Amino acid sequence: MDEATLHRLQRQGAIVRLPTGNAGVRVSLRYLRSMVDRPRAERKELLASKLRELADAVGHQGGAIDEQTVSVSGQVCEAVLPLDGYEALKADVEAKDFEVQPLFDRQVL
């Protein structure tokens, strides 16, 4: 993560403490493979399966996926990834067909 993004996240209070005590950043995870041709129940189960796999990988490195934020229609959920090793973990998550985007609080005027 570049310094400008890190400072912006810190200013906005988006840096959180993980249960390990380390700093983490809230992110959005979006599954990139299209599932629109499948019934909703099948999409829900497939997304849950992918997120369980991802939760294991993220959890081993100190992060966590918030299962309460899963959107089947948007194929998205929120997670907290540790800042230590963020880029490597992000690359691992992206290799599993997920897009990773830091969550910013934006003010619209």
N, C-alpha and C. Protein backbone atom coordinates (compact mmCIF):
# COMPACT_ATOMS: atom_id res chain seq x y z
N MET A 1 0.86 -1.16 0.00
CA MET A 1 0.00 0.00 0.00
C MET A 1 0.90 1.22 0.00
N ASP A 2 0.62 2.16 -0.88
CA ASP A 2 1.47 3.34 -0.95
C ASP A 2 1.23 4.25 0.25
N GLU A 3 2.20 5.12 0.52
CA GLU A 3 2.16 5.98 1.70
C GLU A 3 0.96 6.94 1.69
N ALA A 4 0.62 7.48 0.52
CA ALA A 4 -0.50 8.42 0.44
C ALA A 4 -1.81 7.74 0.84
N THR A 5 -2.03 6.52 0.35
CA THR A 5 -3.24 5.78 0.70
C THR A 5 -3.25 5.46 2.19
N LEU A 6 -2.12 5.05 2.73
CA LEU A 6 -2.02 4.72 4.14
C LEU A 6 -2.33 5.94 5.02
N HIS A 7 -1.79 7.09 4.66
CA HIS A 7 -2.06 8.32 5.43
C HIS A 7 -3.54 8.71 5.35
N ARG A 8 -4.13 8.57 4.17
CA ARG A 8 -5.54 8.90 4.01
C ARG A 8 -6.41 7.97 4.88
N LEU A 9 -6.07 6.69 4.89
CA LEU A 9 -6.80 5.74 5.73
C LEU A 9 -6.66 6.09 7.21
N GLN A 10 -5.47 6.47 7.62
CA GLN A 10 -5.25 6.85 9.01
C GLN A 10 -6.06 8.10 9.37
N ARG A 11 -6.07 9.11 8.50
CA ARG A 11 -6.82 10.33 8.75
C ARG A 11 -8.32 10.06 8.88
N GLN A 12 -8.81 9.12 8.10
CA GLN A 12 -10.24 8.82 8.10
C GLN A 12 -10.65 7.80 9.15
N GLY A 13 -9.69 7.32 9.91
CA GLY A 13 -9.99 6.36 10.95
C GLY A 13 -10.29 4.96 10.43
N ALA A 14 -9.83 4.65 9.23
CA ALA A 14 -10.10 3.34 8.63
C ALA A 14 -9.11 2.26 9.08
N ILE A 15 -8.09 2.67 9.82
CA ILE A 15 -7.14 1.69 10.37
C ILE A 15 -7.73 1.19 11.68
N VAL A 16 -7.87 -0.13 11.79
CA VAL A 16 -8.47 -0.73 12.97
C VAL A 16 -7.47 -1.67 13.65
N ARG A 17 -7.76 -2.02 14.87
CA ARG A 17 -6.93 -2.98 15.61
C ARG A 17 -7.53 -4.37 15.43
N LEU A 18 -6.68 -5.30 15.04
CA LEU A 18 -7.08 -6.69 14.92
C LEU A 18 -7.02 -7.36 16.29
N PRO A 19 -7.67 -8.51 16.46
CA PRO A 19 -7.59 -9.22 17.74
C PRO A 19 -6.15 -9.53 18.18
N THR A 20 -5.24 -9.60 17.22
CA THR A 20 -3.84 -9.86 17.54
C THR A 20 -3.14 -8.63 18.08
N GLY A 21 -3.81 -7.45 17.98
CA GLY A 21 -3.21 -6.20 18.41
C GLY A 21 -2.54 -5.44 17.28
N ASN A 22 -2.38 -6.09 16.14
CA ASN A 22 -1.77 -5.43 14.98
C ASN A 22 -2.76 -4.51 14.28
N ALA A 23 -2.23 -3.59 13.50
CA ALA A 23 -3.08 -2.68 12.73
C ALA A 23 -3.59 -3.38 11.47
N GLY A 24 -4.82 -3.07 11.11
CA GLY A 24 -5.42 -3.63 9.91
C GLY A 24 -6.21 -2.57 9.18
N VAL A 25 -6.57 -2.87 7.94
CA VAL A 25 -7.34 -1.93 7.14
C VAL A 25 -8.60 -2.64 6.64
N ARG A 26 -9.73 -1.91 6.72
CA ARG A 26 -10.99 -2.45 6.20
C ARG A 26 -10.96 -2.43 4.69
N VAL A 27 -11.40 -3.53 4.09
CA VAL A 27 -11.42 -3.63 2.63
C VAL A 27 -12.73 -4.25 2.17
N SER A 28 -13.00 -4.05 0.91
CA SER A 28 -14.12 -4.69 0.24
C SER A 28 -13.53 -5.80 -0.63
N LEU A 29 -14.15 -6.98 -0.58
CA LEU A 29 -13.72 -8.11 -1.41
C LEU A 29 -14.86 -8.43 -2.37
N ARG A 30 -14.58 -8.37 -3.67
CA ARG A 30 -15.61 -8.66 -4.67
C ARG A 30 -15.16 -9.83 -5.52
N TYR A 31 -16.00 -10.87 -5.57
CA TYR A 31 -15.71 -12.05 -6.39
C TYR A 31 -15.90 -11.67 -7.84
N LEU A 32 -14.87 -11.92 -8.67
CA LEU A 32 -14.86 -11.40 -10.03
C LEU A 32 -15.53 -12.30 -11.07
N ARG A 33 -15.68 -13.56 -10.77
CA ARG A 33 -16.30 -14.45 -11.77
C ARG A 33 -17.81 -14.25 -11.78
N SER A 34 -18.34 -14.14 -12.98
CA SER A 34 -19.78 -13.91 -13.13
C SER A 34 -20.56 -15.18 -12.76
N MET A 35 -21.64 -14.99 -12.01
CA MET A 35 -22.50 -16.11 -11.64
C MET A 35 -23.95 -15.81 -11.98
N VAL A 36 -24.20 -14.84 -12.85
CA VAL A 36 -25.57 -14.40 -13.12
C VAL A 36 -26.43 -15.48 -13.78
N ASP A 37 -25.82 -16.45 -14.42
CA ASP A 37 -26.58 -17.50 -15.10
C ASP A 37 -27.03 -18.61 -14.16
N ARG A 38 -26.68 -18.53 -12.88
CA ARG A 38 -27.03 -19.56 -11.90
C ARG A 38 -28.18 -19.09 -11.01
N PRO A 39 -28.94 -20.04 -10.49
CA PRO A 39 -30.00 -19.67 -9.54
C PRO A 39 -29.40 -19.04 -8.29
N ARG A 40 -30.17 -18.19 -7.61
CA ARG A 40 -29.68 -17.46 -6.44
C ARG A 40 -29.14 -18.40 -5.36
N ALA A 41 -29.83 -19.49 -5.08
CA ALA A 41 -29.38 -20.42 -4.04
C ALA A 41 -28.02 -21.01 -4.39
N GLU A 42 -27.82 -21.31 -5.64
CA GLU A 42 -26.52 -21.85 -6.08
C GLU A 42 -25.43 -20.79 -5.98
N ARG A 43 -25.76 -19.55 -6.37
CA ARG A 43 -24.79 -18.45 -6.24
C ARG A 43 -24.41 -18.22 -4.79
N LYS A 44 -25.42 -18.28 -3.91
CA LYS A 44 -25.18 -18.06 -2.49
C LYS A 44 -24.24 -19.12 -1.93
N GLU A 45 -24.46 -20.38 -2.27
CA GLU A 45 -23.62 -21.47 -1.77
C GLU A 45 -22.21 -21.39 -2.36
N LEU A 46 -22.10 -21.06 -3.64
CA LEU A 46 -20.78 -20.95 -4.27
C LEU A 46 -19.98 -19.81 -3.66
N LEU A 47 -20.63 -18.67 -3.45
CA LEU A 47 -19.95 -17.53 -2.84
C LEU A 47 -19.54 -17.85 -1.40
N ALA A 48 -20.41 -18.50 -0.66
CA ALA A 48 -20.09 -18.89 0.72
C ALA A 48 -18.89 -19.83 0.74
N SER A 49 -18.85 -20.76 -0.19
CA SER A 49 -17.73 -21.69 -0.28
C SER A 49 -16.42 -20.97 -0.58
N LYS A 50 -16.45 -20.06 -1.53
CA LYS A 50 -15.26 -19.28 -1.88
C LYS A 50 -14.80 -18.43 -0.70
N LEU A 51 -15.75 -17.84 0.02
CA LEU A 51 -15.40 -17.00 1.16
C LEU A 51 -14.84 -17.82 2.33
N ARG A 52 -15.34 -19.05 2.51
CA ARG A 52 -14.77 -19.92 3.55
C ARG A 52 -13.32 -20.24 3.25
N GLU A 53 -13.03 -20.57 1.98
CA GLU A 53 -11.65 -20.83 1.57
C GLU A 53 -10.78 -19.60 1.82
N LEU A 54 -11.30 -18.46 1.44
CA LEU A 54 -10.58 -17.21 1.59
C LEU A 54 -10.38 -16.87 3.07
N ALA A 55 -11.40 -17.13 3.89
CA ALA A 55 -11.32 -16.84 5.32
C ALA A 55 -10.18 -17.62 5.97
N ASP A 56 -9.98 -18.85 5.53
CA ASP A 56 -8.87 -19.64 6.07
C ASP A 56 -7.53 -18.99 5.74
N ALA A 57 -7.34 -18.61 4.49
CA ALA A 57 -6.08 -17.99 4.08
C ALA A 57 -5.86 -16.65 4.77
N VAL A 58 -6.90 -15.84 4.85
CA VAL A 58 -6.80 -14.52 5.47
C VAL A 58 -6.60 -14.66 6.98
N GLY A 59 -7.30 -15.60 7.59
CA GLY A 59 -7.20 -15.81 9.02
C GLY A 59 -5.82 -16.26 9.47
N HIS A 60 -5.16 -17.06 8.65
CA HIS A 60 -3.81 -17.52 8.99
C HIS A 60 -2.81 -16.38 9.04
N GLN A 61 -3.14 -15.27 8.38
CA GLN A 61 -2.23 -14.13 8.36
C GLN A 61 -2.72 -13.00 9.27
N GLY A 62 -3.73 -13.28 10.09
CA GLY A 62 -4.18 -12.30 11.07
C GLY A 62 -5.36 -11.45 10.66
N GLY A 63 -5.93 -11.67 9.49
CA GLY A 63 -7.07 -10.90 9.04
C GLY A 63 -8.38 -11.60 9.35
N ALA A 64 -9.47 -11.00 8.93
CA ALA A 64 -10.79 -11.59 9.18
C ALA A 64 -11.78 -11.11 8.12
N ILE A 65 -12.68 -12.01 7.75
CA ILE A 65 -13.78 -11.68 6.83
C ILE A 65 -15.04 -11.50 7.65
N ASP A 66 -15.78 -10.44 7.38
CA ASP A 66 -17.03 -10.16 8.09
C ASP A 66 -18.17 -10.83 7.33
N GLU A 67 -18.59 -12.00 7.80
CA GLU A 67 -19.63 -12.77 7.11
C GLU A 67 -20.99 -12.09 7.15
N GLN A 68 -21.17 -11.12 8.05
CA GLN A 68 -22.44 -10.39 8.15
C GLN A 68 -22.62 -9.38 7.02
N THR A 69 -21.58 -9.14 6.23
CA THR A 69 -21.65 -8.12 5.18
C THR A 69 -21.76 -8.73 3.78
N VAL A 70 -21.94 -10.03 3.69
CA VAL A 70 -21.97 -10.69 2.38
C VAL A 70 -23.21 -10.27 1.60
N SER A 71 -22.97 -9.87 0.34
CA SER A 71 -24.05 -9.56 -0.59
C SER A 71 -23.94 -10.53 -1.76
N VAL A 72 -24.93 -11.41 -1.89
CA VAL A 72 -24.91 -12.40 -2.96
C VAL A 72 -25.06 -11.72 -4.31
N SER A 73 -25.99 -10.76 -4.40
CA SER A 73 -26.21 -10.10 -5.69
C SER A 73 -25.00 -9.29 -6.13
N GLY A 74 -24.28 -8.68 -5.18
CA GLY A 74 -23.10 -7.90 -5.51
C GLY A 74 -21.82 -8.72 -5.50
N GLN A 75 -21.92 -9.97 -5.03
CA GLN A 75 -20.76 -10.86 -4.92
C GLN A 75 -19.64 -10.19 -4.14
N VAL A 76 -20.01 -9.54 -3.01
CA VAL A 76 -19.07 -8.73 -2.26
C VAL A 76 -19.25 -8.94 -0.76
N CYS A 77 -18.19 -8.68 -0.02
CA CYS A 77 -18.25 -8.64 1.44
C CYS A 77 -17.11 -7.76 1.93
N GLU A 78 -17.12 -7.50 3.24
CA GLU A 78 -16.07 -6.69 3.84
C GLU A 78 -15.13 -7.58 4.64
N ALA A 79 -13.90 -7.12 4.79
CA ALA A 79 -12.90 -7.84 5.56
C ALA A 79 -11.94 -6.84 6.17
N VAL A 80 -11.11 -7.33 7.07
CA VAL A 80 -10.02 -6.53 7.63
C VAL A 80 -8.74 -7.31 7.35
N LEU A 81 -7.81 -6.66 6.64
CA LEU A 81 -6.53 -7.27 6.33
C LEU A 81 -5.44 -6.58 7.14
N PRO A 82 -4.47 -7.34 7.64
CA PRO A 82 -3.39 -6.73 8.43
C PRO A 82 -2.51 -5.86 7.55
N LEU A 83 -2.03 -4.75 8.09
CA LEU A 83 -1.13 -3.88 7.34
C LEU A 83 0.22 -4.55 7.11
N ASP A 84 0.68 -5.32 8.12
CA ASP A 84 1.93 -6.06 7.93
C ASP A 84 1.68 -7.16 6.92
N GLY A 85 2.36 -7.11 5.82
CA GLY A 85 2.19 -8.10 4.77
C GLY A 85 0.97 -7.88 3.91
N TYR A 86 0.43 -6.65 3.92
CA TYR A 86 -0.80 -6.33 3.18
C TYR A 86 -0.67 -6.65 1.69
N GLU A 87 0.40 -6.19 1.08
CA GLU A 87 0.55 -6.37 -0.38
C GLU A 87 0.61 -7.84 -0.77
N ALA A 88 1.33 -8.66 0.00
CA ALA A 88 1.43 -10.09 -0.30
C ALA A 88 0.07 -10.77 -0.11
N LEU A 89 -0.63 -10.41 0.97
CA LEU A 89 -1.94 -11.00 1.22
C LEU A 89 -2.94 -10.55 0.16
N LYS A 90 -2.87 -9.30 -0.24
CA LYS A 90 -3.74 -8.79 -1.31
C LYS A 90 -3.50 -9.58 -2.59
N ALA A 91 -2.25 -9.84 -2.92
CA ALA A 91 -1.93 -10.62 -4.13
C ALA A 91 -2.49 -12.04 -4.03
N ASP A 92 -2.40 -12.64 -2.84
CA ASP A 92 -2.97 -13.98 -2.64
C ASP A 92 -4.48 -13.98 -2.83
N VAL A 93 -5.15 -12.98 -2.28
CA VAL A 93 -6.60 -12.87 -2.41
C VAL A 93 -6.99 -12.64 -3.87
N GLU A 94 -6.26 -11.78 -4.55
CA GLU A 94 -6.56 -11.49 -5.96
C GLU A 94 -6.33 -12.72 -6.83
N ALA A 95 -5.38 -13.57 -6.46
CA ALA A 95 -5.12 -14.80 -7.21
C ALA A 95 -6.30 -15.77 -7.10
N LYS A 96 -7.14 -15.58 -6.11
CA LYS A 96 -8.33 -16.42 -5.91
C LYS A 96 -9.57 -15.77 -6.54
N ASP A 97 -9.36 -14.87 -7.47
CA ASP A 97 -10.43 -14.21 -8.24
C ASP A 97 -11.28 -13.24 -7.43
N PHE A 98 -10.66 -12.54 -6.48
CA PHE A 98 -11.34 -11.48 -5.73
C PHE A 98 -10.62 -10.16 -5.99
N GLU A 99 -11.40 -9.10 -6.09
CA GLU A 99 -10.86 -7.75 -6.15
C GLU A 99 -10.81 -7.19 -4.73
N VAL A 100 -9.71 -6.54 -4.38
CA VAL A 100 -9.52 -5.98 -3.05
C VAL A 100 -9.47 -4.46 -3.16
N GLN A 101 -10.37 -3.77 -2.44
CA GLN A 101 -10.39 -2.31 -2.44
C GLN A 101 -10.49 -1.81 -1.01
N PRO A 102 -9.57 -0.93 -0.59
CA PRO A 102 -9.71 -0.32 0.74
C PRO A 102 -11.02 0.44 0.85
N LEU A 103 -11.65 0.40 2.01
CA LEU A 103 -12.91 1.11 2.24
C LEU A 103 -12.60 2.50 2.79
N PHE A 104 -13.05 3.50 2.08
CA PHE A 104 -12.87 4.89 2.50
C PHE A 104 -14.23 5.46 2.86
N ASP A 105 -14.28 6.28 3.87
CA ASP A 105 -15.48 7.07 4.13
C ASP A 105 -15.37 8.30 3.24
N ARG A 106 -16.36 8.47 2.38
CA ARG A 106 -16.31 9.60 1.46
C ARG A 106 -17.42 10.57 1.80
N GLN A 107 -17.08 11.84 1.74
CA GLN A 107 -18.07 12.88 1.98
C GLN A 107 -18.50 13.45 0.65
N VAL A 108 -19.78 13.41 0.40
CA VAL A 108 -20.34 13.92 -0.84
C VAL A 108 -21.02 15.25 -0.53
N LEU A 109 -20.63 16.25 -1.27
CA LEU A 109 -21.22 17.58 -1.05
C LEU A 109 -22.19 17.93 -2.14
